[in-house]
Amino acid sequence: MAGLLARRAAGAGPITLLSCDNLPHNGRVLEGLVATFAAARSPDLATWIAAHAAFPCTMVDRIVPATTDADVADVERRLGVHDAAPVVAEPFIQWVIEDRFVAARPAWEDAGAQIARDVAPYETMKLRLLNGSHSTLAYLGFLAGHATIAQAAGDALLGRLVERQMAEEIVPTLQSPPGTDLKRYCATLIERFRNPALPHKTSQVAMDGSQKLPQRLLDTVRARLSHGASIRHLTLAVAGWMRYASGVDERR
């Protein structure tokens, strides 16, 4: 807020505040928070922000497991420097940015970012297909004794379940983002989940299910029920979360 006050006082012109928080509608959330705080601090500042600032939404699709001691040791061995918090990620990355700017911006598209009129279709696609399938594999995979998502996705039964859940129950609820082949996106997801070099723990993905499931699975359930469509695979995923939350897996 101090920076916005200083910018207004200096007459430095409009500014775009780009949120990269990993939550739905992040730009709108940031805009609401800034507007509320600014109004409490200075009504004049709130008026200036409304006229001179923009808050685009963004969406990032990349699987990033929690950093482990092995990651720290590997980086030190390879680079000869100690990094207490290296970030290990898969090769795939998608960064979608809403085309909503009030001033000049870097040419992020030259580095692979997608500038889109509306981020929502990409966001919904990622939440329901990637995150929803991730949660399904996490809960059912953990219960079946799999320590990682790669192991769970490599399980013939669980892999087939997720493929059918995506094709039969999730994809029909989606609006395909421009230039996106949803069938190909689903196939790519299976490949990403099965990446053995990405030891994403089922227990990590399964954390905070009560906060994650409304966007990842329950929104899809509601969309299917509103059309009287089947939710047999989605129901199994939710049942897996309920069983997981009891603290007992299928080996005990």
Protein backbone atom coordinates (compact mmCIF):
# COMPACT_ATOMS: atom_id res chain seq x y z
CA MET A 1 0.00 0.00 0.00
CA ALA A 2 2.90 2.35 0.75
CA GLY A 3 4.19 1.74 -2.77
CA LEU A 4 0.85 2.70 -4.31
CA LEU A 5 0.71 5.83 -2.16
CA ALA A 6 4.21 6.79 -3.31
CA ARG A 7 3.36 6.08 -6.95
CA ARG A 8 0.30 8.31 -6.81
CA ALA A 9 2.25 11.10 -5.08
CA ALA A 10 5.01 10.90 -7.71
CA GLY A 11 2.57 10.95 -10.60
CA ALA A 12 4.29 7.84 -11.96
CA GLY A 13 1.25 6.67 -13.88
CA PRO A 14 -0.82 3.48 -13.97
CA ILE A 15 0.42 0.13 -12.71
CA THR A 16 -0.48 -3.53 -13.15
CA LEU A 17 -0.32 -5.80 -10.10
CA LEU A 18 0.12 -9.37 -11.31
CA SER A 19 -0.83 -12.03 -8.77
CA CYS A 20 0.93 -15.40 -9.03
CA ASP A 21 -0.77 -16.96 -6.01
CA ASN A 22 -1.91 -20.50 -6.69
CA LEU A 23 -5.61 -19.98 -6.05
CA PRO A 24 -8.66 -19.50 -8.26
CA HIS A 25 -9.42 -15.99 -9.53
CA ASN A 26 -6.22 -14.71 -7.91
CA GLY A 27 -6.33 -11.33 -9.64
CA ARG A 28 -9.88 -10.64 -8.51
CA VAL A 29 -9.03 -11.73 -4.96
CA LEU A 30 -6.02 -9.40 -4.86
CA GLU A 31 -8.05 -6.55 -6.33
CA GLY A 32 -10.74 -6.95 -3.66
CA LEU A 33 -8.21 -7.04 -0.82
CA VAL A 34 -6.30 -4.00 -2.08
CA ALA A 35 -9.50 -2.02 -2.67
CA THR A 36 -10.85 -2.81 0.80
CA PHE A 37 -7.58 -1.92 2.54
CA ALA A 38 -7.11 1.23 0.46
CA ALA A 39 -10.63 2.44 1.27
CA ALA A 40 -9.92 2.01 4.98
CA ARG A 41 -6.57 3.78 4.63
CA SER A 42 -7.50 6.61 2.25
CA PRO A 43 -10.67 6.97 0.15
CA ASP A 44 -8.72 9.15 -2.29
CA LEU A 45 -6.15 6.39 -2.76
CA ALA A 46 -8.92 3.84 -3.35
CA THR A 47 -10.34 6.07 -6.09
CA TRP A 48 -6.90 6.44 -7.67
CA ILE A 49 -6.31 2.68 -7.64
CA ALA A 50 -9.68 2.03 -9.28
CA ALA A 51 -8.71 4.35 -12.14
CA HIS A 52 -5.00 3.57 -12.45
CA ALA A 53 -4.42 -0.09 -11.51
CA ALA A 54 -5.22 -3.46 -13.05
CA PHE A 55 -5.19 -6.90 -11.45
CA PRO A 56 -4.96 -9.67 -14.09
CA CYS A 57 -5.67 -13.28 -13.18
CA THR A 58 -3.03 -15.91 -13.83
CA MET A 59 -2.84 -19.70 -13.87
CA VAL A 60 0.25 -21.89 -13.56
CA ASP A 61 0.19 -25.60 -14.35
CA ARG A 62 3.31 -27.39 -13.12
CA ILE A 63 3.80 -30.25 -10.69
CA VAL A 64 6.25 -29.24 -7.94
CA PRO A 65 6.80 -31.80 -5.15
CA ALA A 66 7.97 -30.73 -1.71
CA THR A 67 11.75 -30.31 -1.41
CA THR A 68 13.51 -33.22 0.27
CA ASP A 69 16.92 -33.68 1.90
CA ALA A 70 17.88 -35.75 -1.15
CA ASP A 71 17.09 -32.78 -3.42
CA VAL A 72 19.31 -30.50 -1.33
CA ALA A 73 22.15 -33.01 -1.45
CA ASP A 74 21.73 -33.55 -5.21
CA VAL A 75 21.91 -29.82 -5.96
CA GLU A 76 25.00 -29.45 -3.79
CA ARG A 77 26.68 -32.37 -5.55
CA ARG A 78 25.86 -31.09 -9.01
CA LEU A 79 26.51 -27.37 -8.54
CA GLY A 80 28.98 -27.27 -5.68
CA VAL A 81 26.84 -24.83 -3.69
CA HIS A 82 24.50 -25.36 -0.76
CA ASP A 83 20.89 -24.34 -1.39
CA ALA A 84 18.61 -25.03 1.56
CA ALA A 85 15.45 -24.74 -0.55
CA PRO A 86 15.94 -25.86 -4.16
CA VAL A 87 12.78 -26.24 -6.23
CA VAL A 88 12.38 -29.51 -8.12
CA ALA A 89 9.77 -29.56 -10.87
CA GLU A 90 8.65 -31.49 -13.93
CA PRO A 91 9.62 -30.35 -17.46
CA PHE A 92 6.02 -29.39 -18.34
CA ILE A 93 4.92 -25.84 -17.62
CA GLN A 94 1.95 -23.69 -18.62
CA TRP A 95 1.57 -20.07 -17.54
CA VAL A 96 -1.60 -18.30 -18.63
CA ILE A 97 -1.97 -14.55 -18.03
CA GLU A 98 -5.13 -12.51 -18.49
CA ASP A 99 -4.68 -9.74 -21.05
CA ARG A 100 -5.67 -6.99 -18.65
CA PHE A 101 -2.92 -4.39 -18.35
CA VAL A 102 -2.94 -0.62 -17.89
CA ALA A 103 0.74 -0.05 -18.69
CA ALA A 104 3.59 -1.58 -20.69
CA ARG A 105 4.55 -5.14 -19.78
CA PRO A 106 7.35 -7.62 -20.47
CA ALA A 107 6.88 -9.86 -23.52
CA TRP A 108 6.22 -12.94 -21.39
CA GLU A 109 4.81 -14.76 -24.41
CA ASP A 110 8.33 -14.79 -25.90
CA ALA A 111 9.29 -17.11 -23.03
CA GLY A 112 6.29 -19.38 -23.52
CA ALA A 113 3.54 -17.72 -21.49
CA GLN A 114 0.03 -17.61 -22.94
CA ILE A 115 -1.76 -14.26 -22.94
CA ALA A 116 -5.50 -14.93 -22.86
CA ARG A 117 -8.68 -12.89 -22.86
CA ASP A 118 -10.09 -15.13 -20.13
CA VAL A 119 -8.08 -17.33 -17.76
CA ALA A 120 -11.13 -19.08 -16.26
CA PRO A 121 -11.40 -21.95 -18.81
CA TYR A 122 -7.72 -22.82 -18.31
CA GLU A 123 -8.12 -22.60 -14.55
CA THR A 124 -11.17 -24.86 -14.50
CA MET A 125 -9.47 -27.36 -16.83
CA LYS A 126 -6.45 -27.56 -14.56
CA LEU A 127 -8.43 -27.77 -11.30
CA ARG A 128 -10.78 -30.50 -12.49
CA LEU A 129 -8.46 -32.57 -14.67
CA LEU A 130 -5.00 -32.22 -13.15
CA ASN A 131 -5.82 -31.43 -9.53
CA GLY A 132 -8.95 -33.58 -9.38
CA SER A 133 -7.12 -36.57 -10.83
CA HIS A 134 -4.15 -35.87 -8.56
CA SER A 135 -6.41 -36.05 -5.51
CA THR A 136 -8.04 -39.24 -6.76
CA LEU A 137 -4.64 -40.89 -7.16
CA ALA A 138 -3.45 -39.51 -3.82
CA TYR A 139 -6.29 -40.89 -1.69
CA LEU A 140 -6.88 -44.19 -3.44
CA GLY A 141 -3.17 -44.66 -4.08
CA PHE A 142 -2.26 -44.08 -0.44
CA LEU A 143 -4.95 -46.50 0.70
CA ALA A 144 -3.58 -49.08 -1.71
CA GLY A 145 -0.09 -48.71 -0.28
CA HIS A 146 1.51 -46.49 -2.93
CA ALA A 147 3.97 -43.93 -1.55
CA THR A 148 4.10 -41.74 -4.67
CA ILE A 149 1.76 -40.47 -7.36
CA ALA A 150 3.96 -42.13 -10.00
CA GLN A 151 3.41 -45.50 -8.34
CA ALA A 152 -0.34 -44.92 -8.02
CA ALA A 153 -0.66 -43.81 -11.65
CA GLY A 154 1.33 -46.86 -12.71
CA ASP A 155 -1.14 -49.15 -10.95
CA ALA A 156 -3.18 -50.70 -13.77
CA LEU A 157 -6.53 -50.36 -11.97
CA LEU A 158 -5.97 -46.84 -10.62
CA GLY A 159 -4.53 -45.64 -13.91
CA ARG A 160 -7.58 -46.90 -15.79
CA LEU A 161 -9.90 -45.37 -13.19
CA VAL A 162 -8.37 -41.92 -13.62
CA GLU A 163 -8.44 -42.20 -17.41
CA ARG A 164 -12.16 -43.03 -17.33
CA GLN A 165 -12.90 -40.40 -14.69
CA MET A 166 -11.34 -37.73 -16.88
CA ALA A 167 -12.88 -38.88 -20.17
CA GLU A 168 -16.36 -39.83 -18.96
CA GLU A 169 -17.09 -37.45 -16.09
CA ILE A 170 -14.74 -34.44 -16.09
CA VAL A 171 -14.17 -33.49 -19.73
CA PRO A 172 -17.94 -33.23 -20.46
CA THR A 173 -18.17 -30.45 -17.83
CA LEU A 174 -15.44 -28.31 -19.41
CA GLN A 175 -15.31 -25.48 -21.89
CA SER A 176 -12.21 -26.20 -23.97
CA PRO A 177 -9.72 -23.31 -23.76
CA PRO A 178 -8.72 -21.83 -27.13
CA GLY A 179 -6.23 -24.02 -28.95
CA THR A 180 -6.49 -26.83 -26.39
CA ASP A 181 -7.14 -30.47 -27.28
CA LEU A 182 -8.68 -31.85 -24.09
CA LYS A 183 -8.15 -35.46 -25.14
CA ARG A 184 -4.46 -34.78 -25.68
CA TYR A 185 -4.24 -32.83 -22.42
CA CYS A 186 -5.64 -35.85 -20.54
CA ALA A 187 -3.12 -38.19 -22.17
CA THR A 188 -0.33 -35.80 -21.26
CA LEU A 189 -1.52 -35.76 -17.65
CA ILE A 190 -1.21 -39.53 -17.38
CA GLU A 191 2.35 -39.31 -18.72
CA ARG A 192 3.17 -36.57 -16.21
CA PHE A 193 1.67 -38.49 -13.29
CA ARG A 194 3.72 -41.59 -14.19
CA ASN A 195 7.05 -39.72 -14.36
CA PRO A 196 9.33 -41.82 -12.08
CA ALA A 197 11.77 -38.93 -11.71
CA LEU A 198 9.08 -36.95 -9.88
CA PRO A 199 8.63 -38.60 -6.46
CA HIS A 200 5.50 -36.66 -5.53
CA LYS A 201 4.22 -38.29 -2.34
CA THR A 202 0.58 -39.32 -2.17
CA SER A 203 0.54 -38.06 1.42
CA GLN A 204 1.61 -34.59 0.29
CA VAL A 205 -1.05 -34.29 -2.41
CA ALA A 206 -3.63 -35.66 0.05
CA MET A 207 -3.03 -32.90 2.60
CA ASP A 208 -5.79 -30.37 3.36
CA GLY A 209 -8.44 -32.32 1.48
CA SER A 210 -11.34 -30.43 3.05
CA GLN A 211 -9.98 -27.24 1.45
CA LYS A 212 -8.98 -28.77 -1.88
CA LEU A 213 -11.90 -31.05 -2.75
CA PRO A 214 -14.58 -28.36 -3.28
CA GLN A 215 -12.68 -27.01 -6.32
CA ARG A 216 -11.01 -30.24 -7.42
CA LEU A 217 -13.87 -32.73 -7.24
CA LEU A 218 -17.09 -31.35 -5.77
CA ASP A 219 -17.57 -28.62 -8.40
CA THR A 220 -17.43 -31.36 -11.03
CA VAL A 221 -19.87 -33.47 -9.03
CA ARG A 222 -22.32 -30.56 -8.89
CA ALA A 223 -21.95 -29.93 -12.62
CA ARG A 224 -22.65 -33.59 -13.40
CA LEU A 225 -25.62 -33.83 -11.03
CA SER A 226 -27.17 -30.69 -12.52
CA HIS A 227 -27.45 -32.63 -15.80
CA GLY A 228 -28.47 -35.92 -14.21
CA ALA A 229 -25.19 -37.50 -15.29
CA SER A 230 -23.19 -40.30 -13.67
CA ILE A 231 -20.65 -39.57 -10.91
CA ARG A 232 -19.57 -43.15 -10.18
CA HIS A 233 -15.82 -42.47 -10.51
CA LEU A 234 -15.97 -39.11 -8.75
CA THR A 235 -17.93 -40.68 -5.90
CA LEU A 236 -15.19 -43.27 -5.44
CA ALA A 237 -12.60 -40.50 -5.24
CA VAL A 238 -14.58 -38.66 -2.56
CA ALA A 239 -15.06 -41.93 -0.67
CA GLY A 240 -11.29 -42.38 -0.82
CA TRP A 241 -10.82 -39.01 0.87
CA MET A 242 -13.32 -39.96 3.60
CA ARG A 243 -11.49 -43.23 4.20
CA TYR A 244 -8.11 -41.47 4.16
CA ALA A 245 -9.34 -38.90 6.70
CA SER A 246 -10.12 -41.73 9.12
CA GLY A 247 -6.39 -42.35 9.44
CA VAL A 248 -6.53 -46.03 8.47
CA ASP A 249 -5.43 -47.53 5.14
CA GLU A 250 -6.47 -50.86 3.64
CA ARG A 251 -3.55 -52.76 5.18
CA ARG A 252 -4.71 -52.19 8.74
